[in-house]
Every structure is written in C-alpha cells, then in structure tokens.
C-alpha cells in the first residue's frame, strides 16, 4: 500500500491558533475557561481520515466529551470509542448510531454492559476471563476484541500495565470467549498517548502481528485490528502533519497485516488538543526568600482543575501572555489549590516574562484534550474549568 497524501495543517494550525487567541483577547472570563474551535476538530478528523484510508476512526470520547464536539464528529461520519455508560449515552444523544460505538474499556460493570447491549452496541473490549464472563452473560453473542499489553514505545504518556493481557495469553482468551458463545473478532493495543514519531509504532506492530498470526493459526478467523490512539498533537516540538503521520502508520500496518476486513483507530488527543486553548490568570508571583533564585508563578488553574497531564511533567503546554516580547526567565509554575502536589513544572522550569504579576492573563495552547474531562468539581472550592465552543 502506498499512500499519497497532502497536508496543509501547518498553515491551518497557525490560522486556527490566531483565531482562538483573537477570541480570547476580546472575551472576558471570570474563571479559567477552555475555548474549543470545532472547525479544528473537523480539520484533524479529515486529515487523519485521509492518511488512514480505509480505517474507521472511533473518536476516544474521554479526550473531550463536549456535546458540540461529539455532534460535529457525528455529522462528519466518525465512529466512537466509549469508556462508560455515560459516554455511550452522550454519543447517542448527539445522533451517533449504536453500531458505530465500541465499548472499549476493559473494566466494565455488568449493568453497563447490559445497558450498552440493550441499546444496540455489539462490540466490546476485554483482557481477562472474568470480563468475558460478564460480556457473555449480559451481551450474549457479542463481538469482542482482546486488548494486548505492549512495551512502551517512547510515548510522552505511556499506557502500559493497567490495560491489556500478555500477548502469549491472547489466544487462550479467544478460545475462552468462543466457549462462552462470544465472537472473538480481533485484537487491540495502544502505543501510548502522544507518540510523537510514527516509526515508534514499528516494534509494537511487529509484536501484534505475531499474536495475530498465532491466533489465525489456531483457527480464529480474526478480521478486526484496532490500532488504538497515540496520534500526537503539537505542543511546541516538531511532529509530522496528521495526514502524513497517519499514512506512515497505515503503511506499516499494511506491511504486516496485508488486506484487513476491518481496521479501527481511536484518536483522541490528535483530534481535539489543538482545537482548544485555556484562558487563565496569574494569581501570585513570589520568591521564598529575598535571595531565592527560583521564581514561583501561581495560576488560577492547576493540576486538579484541568491540567492533570502535567503529572510528571509529561505534557509540556505552551503559554502566551500580553508581556511576550519582554525579558523572560525560568519559573516554577503552580496551581492555586492548597495541595503540595499542585505544581505543574518544577524539574524543567518554564520561561515566562519577568514582568508577570498578579492579574495578568495567560493563554495556554493545545488544551483541547484531557482538560475539561480531568477537571475536578470544586476541589478546594475552586470552580471547575468552564467550556466555551466557538
């Protein structure tokens, strides 16, 4: 398979960032607010669709469950990866068809399985015998795919250990699924969120292909490969344009699996991160003593109110202020809550203008993914992140 793709996302990225920033500079917010531009979501959807070719994109709803984002993607023809009953209900409420929704969480309550099955969802993920028992009881005859653990690929946010079975256990789970009257149709995996280079997929795909061949050799008529997410967003470090990146991944899949009856992908961050920007405010700038070399900048948004992905400083956001162009210096960036864990960047400090002071506005780029969905409700009495859709 040779993919011929074009991608003008660099110019589009700058134009969209300017559009969102322009809106933020003229708007007034009384609390940290995420502004989402659904045009950017749809541009990314089209770019990934172009690169992935015949794959069905199942948007990972957990990345940003804003109803208007879901509605826009429904109208664009997207499918959906749901992690809970609530996400299934959300997708259905915005017009998604149940047959276009997969229940991709491998840890599901029996009642939620029954709900999904009763509304028409027929595709479920599993990685353990007990999960298959639950699916067989509450969604008899359903299609299942087995999620596999893969080695860390160099992703900024690895997704190892918690989800998936050992690759050498996959065939046994497929055998067990068959004995329960289920239909084991394929496998899934996740290379890790924010896998910035497409070549990082290669060793993972090699291992998955080994499992695929072993399962087919044992008589399992697999026809579904779910390659999960991992498609990156721009946080300041160079990444390939979405269509180019997706085409490289699709090429590697074709080399290892040939023609596939069904190919799924579950992008989340790659669709919505660059579609959002957060308006925040400086609350305090201080030093711990007169001769302290470390300047602390506290924002009115922190780890518990939307910026959870700064945990271990994994995701490095970009910051825009009205003082850009002035002299800058490193600072420790922290949130407002009375919790010592609410420090965003300390090991690798952030360069911000030296003139920053309380009341200054700060815009945080590429915040459309995993911010509103991680925002706690009223921790320390601070209001949760507000959302505005352009």
Protein backbone atom coordinates (compact mmCIF):
# COMPACT_ATOMS: atom_id res chain seq x y z
CA UNK A 1 0.00 0.00 0.00
CA UNK A 2 1.37 3.40 -0.96
CA UNK A 3 -0.38 6.44 0.43
CA UNK A 4 -0.40 9.72 -1.43
CA UNK A 5 -1.44 12.47 0.93
CA UNK A 6 -1.21 16.20 1.12
CA UNK A 7 -1.36 18.14 4.33
CA UNK A 8 -1.56 21.89 4.80
CA UNK A 9 -2.05 21.58 8.54
CA UNK A 10 0.94 23.82 9.38
CA UNK A 11 -0.67 26.88 7.84
CA UNK A 12 -4.06 25.79 9.16
CA UNK A 13 -2.61 25.32 12.65
CA UNK A 14 -1.27 28.88 12.76
CA UNK A 15 -4.50 30.34 11.39
CA UNK A 16 -6.63 28.49 13.91
CA UNK A 17 -4.38 29.37 16.84
CA UNK A 18 -4.60 33.03 15.80
CA UNK A 19 -8.40 32.77 15.56
CA UNK A 20 -8.77 31.27 19.03
CA UNK A 21 -6.28 33.74 20.55
CA UNK A 22 -8.12 36.61 18.91
CA UNK A 23 -11.34 35.46 20.50
CA UNK A 24 -9.67 35.07 23.92
CA UNK A 25 -8.15 38.55 23.82
CA UNK A 26 -11.54 40.18 23.30
CA UNK A 27 -13.52 37.99 25.72
CA UNK A 28 -13.86 38.30 29.47
CA UNK A 29 -13.95 35.26 31.74
CA UNK A 30 -14.46 35.15 35.50
CA UNK A 31 -12.78 31.74 35.88
CA UNK A 32 -10.40 29.51 33.88
CA UNK A 33 -12.13 28.75 30.59
CA UNK A 34 -11.42 26.34 27.77
CA UNK A 35 -12.37 27.65 24.32
CA UNK A 36 -12.90 24.97 21.67
CA UNK A 37 -13.00 25.51 17.90
CA UNK A 38 -14.86 22.60 16.27
CA UNK A 39 -13.51 23.61 12.85
CA UNK A 40 -10.08 22.47 14.04
CA UNK A 41 -11.54 19.17 15.27
CA UNK A 42 -13.09 18.54 11.86
CA UNK A 43 -9.89 19.51 10.01
CA UNK A 44 -7.94 16.99 12.08
CA UNK A 45 -10.62 14.35 11.51
CA UNK A 46 -10.39 14.86 7.76
CA UNK A 47 -6.57 14.78 7.85
CA UNK A 48 -6.41 11.55 9.85
CA UNK A 49 -9.11 10.01 7.68
CA UNK A 50 -7.10 10.86 4.57
CA UNK A 51 -3.96 9.27 5.97
CA UNK A 52 -5.62 6.18 7.43
CA UNK A 53 -7.58 5.45 4.27
CA UNK A 54 -10.00 2.58 4.85
CA UNK A 55 -9.78 2.65 8.66
CA UNK A 56 -12.81 3.59 10.72
CA UNK A 57 -11.98 6.39 13.14
CA UNK A 58 -13.52 5.78 16.56
CA UNK A 59 -13.05 9.08 18.41
CA UNK A 60 -11.94 8.46 22.00
CA UNK A 61 -14.72 10.37 23.75
CA UNK A 62 -12.77 10.63 27.02
CA UNK A 63 -10.37 13.10 25.37
CA UNK A 64 -13.06 15.77 25.24
CA UNK A 65 -16.72 14.89 25.89
CA UNK A 66 -18.13 18.30 24.98
CA UNK A 67 -21.51 17.60 23.30
CA UNK A 68 -20.86 20.00 20.42
CA UNK A 69 -17.60 18.20 19.65
CA UNK A 70 -19.45 14.88 19.56
CA UNK A 71 -22.22 16.34 17.39
CA UNK A 72 -19.71 17.75 14.89
CA UNK A 73 -17.96 14.39 14.62
CA UNK A 74 -21.25 12.51 14.24
CA UNK A 75 -22.10 14.76 11.31
CA UNK A 76 -18.64 14.15 9.83
CA UNK A 77 -19.18 10.39 9.89
CA UNK A 78 -16.99 9.48 12.84
CA UNK A 79 -17.42 6.36 14.95
CA UNK A 80 -16.80 6.43 18.70
CA UNK A 81 -14.79 4.66 21.40
CA UNK A 82 -16.72 4.85 24.68
CA UNK A 83 -15.27 4.13 28.11
CA UNK A 84 -18.50 4.18 30.11
CA UNK A 85 -22.29 4.12 30.00
CA UNK A 86 -22.25 7.90 30.30
CA UNK A 87 -20.14 8.26 27.16
CA UNK A 88 -22.42 5.88 25.26
CA UNK A 89 -25.45 7.91 26.33
CA UNK A 90 -23.67 11.11 25.28
CA UNK A 91 -22.89 9.77 21.80
CA UNK A 92 -26.42 8.50 21.29
CA UNK A 93 -27.86 11.83 22.44
CA UNK A 94 -25.86 13.60 19.71
CA UNK A 95 -27.10 11.29 16.96
CA UNK A 96 -24.48 8.53 16.87
CA UNK A 97 -25.70 5.10 15.83
CA UNK A 98 -25.14 2.32 18.39
CA UNK A 99 -23.44 0.16 15.76
CA UNK A 100 -20.84 2.93 15.39
CA UNK A 101 -19.91 2.80 19.10
CA UNK A 102 -17.43 0.35 20.62
CA UNK A 103 -17.27 -0.19 24.39
CA UNK A 104 -13.52 0.00 24.63
CA UNK A 105 -12.92 0.00 28.38
CA UNK A 106 -11.74 -3.42 29.59
CA UNK A 107 -13.10 -2.74 33.09
CA UNK A 108 -16.91 -2.57 32.88
CA UNK A 109 -19.77 -3.03 35.33
CA UNK A 110 -22.23 -5.79 34.39
CA UNK A 111 -25.11 -3.31 34.35
CA UNK A 112 -23.25 -1.04 31.94
CA UNK A 113 -22.56 -3.96 29.61
CA UNK A 114 -26.25 -4.84 29.69
CA UNK A 115 -27.23 -1.23 29.01
CA UNK A 116 -24.87 -0.99 26.03
CA UNK A 117 -26.09 -4.26 24.57
CA UNK A 118 -29.74 -3.32 25.03
CA UNK A 119 -29.30 -0.04 23.14
CA UNK A 120 -27.59 -1.80 20.25
CA UNK A 121 -23.84 -1.72 20.99
CA UNK A 122 -22.37 -5.05 19.91
CA UNK A 123 -18.57 -4.57 20.03
CA UNK A 124 -16.74 -4.89 23.36
CA UNK A 125 -13.13 -4.96 24.56
CA UNK A 126 -11.80 -7.48 27.08
CA UNK A 127 -8.46 -8.53 28.52
CA UNK A 128 -9.41 -11.09 31.18
CA UNK A 129 -11.58 -14.18 31.69
CA UNK A 130 -13.90 -12.52 34.19
CA UNK A 131 -14.58 -9.66 31.80
CA UNK A 132 -15.51 -12.18 29.13
CA UNK A 133 -17.83 -13.88 31.63
CA UNK A 134 -19.64 -10.59 32.20
CA UNK A 135 -19.94 -9.85 28.50
CA UNK A 136 -21.23 -13.35 27.76
CA UNK A 137 -23.90 -13.04 30.45
CA UNK A 138 -25.08 -9.52 29.66
CA UNK A 139 -24.29 -9.22 25.92
CA UNK A 140 -24.71 -12.79 24.64
CA UNK A 141 -23.20 -13.44 21.23
CA UNK A 142 -21.43 -10.08 21.12
CA UNK A 143 -18.24 -9.41 19.20
CA UNK A 144 -15.16 -9.00 21.37
CA UNK A 145 -11.62 -7.93 20.69
CA UNK A 146 -8.78 -8.74 23.04
CA UNK A 147 -6.60 -5.89 24.21
CA UNK A 148 -2.88 -6.63 24.47
CA UNK A 149 -0.19 -5.11 26.66
CA UNK A 150 2.59 -3.62 24.56
CA UNK A 151 6.03 -2.39 25.52
CA UNK A 152 6.46 1.35 25.97
CA UNK A 153 7.08 2.96 22.59
CA UNK A 154 8.64 6.20 23.77
CA UNK A 155 5.27 7.91 24.11
CA UNK A 156 5.11 11.01 26.30
CA UNK A 157 2.20 9.43 28.22
CA UNK A 158 2.74 5.62 28.25
CA UNK A 159 -0.29 3.37 28.72
CA UNK A 160 1.27 0.13 29.91
CA UNK A 161 0.44 -2.34 32.68
CA UNK A 162 -3.10 -1.36 33.65
CA UNK A 163 -4.86 -2.44 30.44
CA UNK A 164 -4.34 -5.48 28.27
CA UNK A 165 -3.28 -9.08 28.64
CA UNK A 166 0.14 -10.56 28.00
CA UNK A 167 0.48 -11.29 24.29
CA UNK A 168 1.04 -15.00 24.89
CA UNK A 169 -2.30 -15.18 26.74
CA UNK A 170 -4.39 -13.71 23.93
CA UNK A 171 -5.19 -16.95 22.10
CA UNK A 172 -6.34 -18.61 25.32
CA UNK A 173 -8.73 -15.72 25.91
CA UNK A 174 -10.08 -16.06 22.38
CA UNK A 175 -10.62 -19.78 22.98
CA UNK A 176 -12.44 -18.98 26.21
CA UNK A 177 -14.58 -16.33 24.51
CA UNK A 178 -15.65 -18.89 21.92
CA UNK A 179 -16.58 -21.38 24.65
CA UNK A 180 -18.90 -18.71 26.11
CA UNK A 181 -20.70 -18.15 22.82
CA UNK A 182 -18.96 -14.85 22.10
CA UNK A 183 -17.33 -13.94 18.79
CA UNK A 184 -13.62 -13.09 19.17
CA UNK A 185 -13.02 -10.99 16.07
CA UNK A 186 -9.71 -9.27 16.66
CA UNK A 187 -7.16 -7.58 18.87
CA UNK A 188 -6.41 -4.07 20.07
CA UNK A 189 -3.49 -2.21 21.60
CA UNK A 190 -2.36 1.32 22.40
CA UNK A 191 1.16 2.55 21.64
CA UNK A 192 0.82 5.28 24.27
CA UNK A 193 -0.60 8.77 24.17
CA UNK A 194 1.41 11.41 22.32
CA UNK A 195 3.66 9.05 20.36
CA UNK A 196 5.44 11.81 18.50
CA UNK A 197 7.15 9.76 15.77
CA UNK A 198 5.37 7.28 13.54
CA UNK A 199 8.40 4.97 13.44
CA UNK A 200 7.86 4.30 17.16
CA UNK A 201 4.93 2.11 16.11
CA UNK A 202 7.08 -0.40 14.22
CA UNK A 203 8.25 -2.71 17.05
CA UNK A 204 4.77 -2.67 18.59
CA UNK A 205 3.15 -3.64 15.30
CA UNK A 206 5.71 -6.44 14.89
CA UNK A 207 4.65 -7.95 18.22
CA UNK A 208 0.94 -7.57 17.49
CA UNK A 209 1.41 -9.22 14.10
CA UNK A 210 2.98 -12.24 15.84
CA UNK A 211 -0.12 -12.61 18.02
CA UNK A 212 -2.40 -12.13 15.01
CA UNK A 213 -0.68 -14.92 13.09
CA UNK A 214 -0.68 -17.25 16.11
CA UNK A 215 -4.42 -16.71 16.64
CA UNK A 216 -5.23 -17.37 13.00
CA UNK A 217 -3.05 -20.48 13.04
CA UNK A 218 -5.19 -21.75 15.92
CA UNK A 219 -8.32 -21.32 13.81
CA UNK A 220 -9.54 -17.90 14.91
CA UNK A 221 -10.97 -16.07 11.90
CA UNK A 222 -9.83 -12.62 13.01
CA UNK A 223 -10.93 -9.74 10.83
CA UNK A 224 -10.63 -6.69 13.12
CA UNK A 225 -7.45 -4.85 14.07
CA UNK A 226 -7.87 -1.93 16.46
CA UNK A 227 -4.68 0.15 16.48
CA UNK A 228 -5.92 2.44 19.25
CA UNK A 229 -4.71 6.01 19.66
CA UNK A 230 -1.32 7.64 20.09
CA UNK A 231 -1.70 10.16 17.24
CA UNK A 232 0.13 13.24 18.50
CA UNK A 233 -0.75 16.89 18.89
CA UNK A 234 1.53 19.90 18.58
CA UNK A 235 2.88 21.12 21.93
CA UNK A 236 5.86 23.01 20.57
CA UNK A 237 8.06 20.10 19.47
CA UNK A 238 8.08 19.15 15.80
CA UNK A 239 5.67 16.41 14.76
CA UNK A 240 4.59 15.20 11.33
CA UNK A 241 1.39 16.68 9.93
CA UNK A 242 -1.62 14.50 10.84
CA UNK A 243 -2.30 13.09 7.35
CA UNK A 244 1.38 12.29 6.78
CA UNK A 245 1.77 10.67 10.21
CA UNK A 246 -1.40 8.61 9.78
CA UNK A 247 -0.34 7.48 6.31
CA UNK A 248 3.00 6.27 7.69
CA UNK A 249 1.21 4.24 10.35
CA UNK A 250 -1.24 2.83 7.79
CA UNK A 251 1.68 1.82 5.57
CA UNK A 252 3.31 -0.08 8.44
CA UNK A 253 0.02 -1.82 9.22
CA UNK A 254 -0.36 -2.90 5.60
CA UNK A 255 3.18 -4.28 5.50
CA UNK A 256 2.46 -6.54 8.48
CA UNK A 257 -1.22 -7.43 8.13
CA UNK A 258 -1.97 -7.15 4.42
CA UNK A 259 -5.59 -6.53 3.49
CA UNK A 260 -7.79 -6.22 6.56
CA UNK A 261 -11.55 -6.54 6.50
CA UNK A 262 -11.86 -4.08 9.40
CA UNK A 263 -9.35 -1.58 10.71
CA UNK A 264 -10.11 0.72 13.62
CA UNK A 265 -8.23 3.68 15.09
CA UNK A 266 -9.10 5.54 18.28
CA UNK A 267 -7.55 9.02 18.15
CA UNK A 268 -8.45 11.41 20.93
CA UNK A 269 -5.66 13.90 21.55
CA UNK A 270 -4.79 14.07 17.86
CA UNK A 271 -8.30 15.27 17.05
CA UNK A 272 -9.03 17.77 19.80
CA UNK A 273 -5.88 19.01 21.57
CA UNK A 274 -5.04 21.80 19.14
CA UNK A 275 -8.70 22.78 18.93
CA UNK A 276 -8.65 24.21 22.45
CA UNK A 277 -6.98 26.99 24.37
CA UNK A 278 -7.42 27.91 28.03
CA UNK A 279 -7.73 31.46 29.34
CA UNK A 280 -6.19 31.66 32.82
CA UNK A 281 -4.86 34.34 35.16
CA UNK A 282 -1.77 34.89 37.28
CA UNK A 283 -2.72 34.88 40.98
CA UNK A 284 0.70 35.38 42.57
CA UNK A 285 4.37 35.79 41.68
CA UNK A 286 6.77 35.25 44.58
CA UNK A 287 10.11 34.02 45.85
CA UNK A 288 10.58 32.05 49.05
CA UNK A 289 13.27 34.46 50.30
CA UNK A 290 14.92 37.66 49.03
CA UNK A 291 17.90 35.71 47.69
CA UNK A 292 15.88 32.79 46.30
CA UNK A 293 16.86 32.14 42.69
CA UNK A 294 13.58 30.40 41.97
CA UNK A 295 10.59 32.49 41.00
CA UNK A 296 7.18 30.93 41.61
CA UNK A 297 4.25 31.79 39.36
CA UNK A 298 0.83 30.64 40.56
CA UNK A 299 -2.08 30.44 38.13
CA UNK A 300 -5.79 30.20 38.86
CA UNK A 301 -5.77 26.77 37.15
CA UNK A 302 -3.76 23.78 38.27
CA UNK A 303 -3.43 20.04 38.26
CA UNK A 304 -6.82 19.50 39.90
CA UNK A 305 -8.75 21.90 37.70
CA UNK A 306 -7.80 20.76 34.24
CA UNK A 307 -4.03 20.40 33.87
CA UNK A 308 -3.68 16.85 35.22
CA UNK A 309 -1.48 15.88 32.28
CA UNK A 310 1.34 17.94 33.76
CA UNK A 311 1.77 15.00 36.15
CA UNK A 312 5.46 14.04 35.99
CA UNK A 313 5.71 16.99 33.57
CA UNK A 314 4.65 14.65 30.77
CA UNK A 315 2.75 17.14 28.61
CA UNK A 316 4.50 20.46 28.11
CA UNK A 317 1.97 23.17 27.35
CA UNK A 318 2.82 26.46 25.64
CA UNK A 319 1.93 29.75 27.32
CA UNK A 320 1.05 33.12 25.76
CA UNK A 321 0.90 36.39 27.70
CA UNK A 322 0.40 40.06 26.94
CA UNK A 323 4.02 40.57 28.03
CA UNK A 324 5.53 38.31 25.38
CA UNK A 325 8.50 40.14 23.88
CA UNK A 326 9.73 41.31 27.28
CA UNK A 327 12.72 39.71 29.01
CA UNK A 328 11.99 36.21 30.26
CA UNK A 329 13.34 33.94 32.93
CA UNK A 330 12.68 30.47 34.31
CA UNK A 331 9.98 29.94 36.87
CA UNK A 332 8.28 27.18 38.79
CA UNK A 333 4.66 27.07 37.66
CA UNK A 334 1.97 26.00 40.13
CA UNK A 335 -1.77 25.93 40.58
CA UNK A 336 -3.86 27.69 43.23
CA UNK A 337 -5.01 24.82 45.45
CA UNK A 338 -3.84 24.04 48.97
CA UNK A 339 -2.20 20.81 47.89
CA UNK A 340 1.56 20.43 47.60
CA UNK A 341 1.13 18.17 44.57
CA UNK A 342 -0.39 21.06 42.61
CA UNK A 343 2.92 22.03 40.99
CA UNK A 344 2.89 21.91 37.21
CA UNK A 345 6.51 22.41 36.16
CA UNK A 346 9.48 22.40 38.51
CA UNK A 347 12.04 19.89 37.25
CA UNK A 348 12.03 21.60 33.86
CA UNK A 349 11.03 25.16 34.61
CA UNK A 350 9.04 27.35 32.23
CA UNK A 351 10.42 30.55 30.71
CA UNK A 352 7.92 33.36 31.25
CA UNK A 353 8.22 37.17 31.18
CA UNK A 354 9.98 38.61 34.22
CA UNK A 355 7.35 41.34 34.47
CA UNK A 356 4.45 38.96 35.11
CA UNK A 357 2.31 39.92 38.08
CA UNK A 358 -1.00 39.12 39.69
CA UNK A 359 -3.93 39.81 37.39
CA UNK A 360 -2.05 39.21 34.15
CA UNK A 361 -3.87 36.95 31.72
CA UNK A 362 -2.25 33.78 30.42
CA UNK A 363 -3.42 31.70 27.46
CA UNK A 364 -2.46 28.03 27.34
CA UNK A 365 -2.29 26.46 23.88
CA UNK A 366 -3.31 22.97 22.71
CA UNK A 367 -5.53 22.32 25.70
CA UNK A 368 -8.46 20.69 23.92
CA UNK A 369 -7.62 17.18 25.15
CA UNK A 370 -7.89 15.84 28.69
CA UNK A 371 -8.51 19.18 30.39
CA UNK A 372 -12.26 19.60 30.81
CA UNK A 373 -12.59 15.83 31.29
CA UNK A 374 -9.94 15.82 34.04
CA UNK A 375 -11.21 18.98 35.72
CA UNK A 376 -12.35 18.18 39.25
CA UNK A 377 -15.63 19.52 40.52
CA UNK A 378 -14.95 22.12 43.19
CA UNK A 379 -11.65 20.87 44.67
CA UNK A 380 -10.79 23.34 47.46
CA UNK A 381 -13.94 25.20 46.45
CA UNK A 382 -12.43 26.40 43.16
CA UNK A 383 -14.93 26.17 40.29
CA UNK A 384 -14.33 23.55 37.61
CA UNK A 385 -12.98 24.53 34.22
CA UNK A 386 -15.63 26.26 32.12
CA UNK A 387 -16.02 25.42 28.41
CA UNK A 388 -16.99 27.71 25.53
CA UNK A 389 -17.39 26.40 21.97
CA UNK A 390 -16.72 28.81 19.11
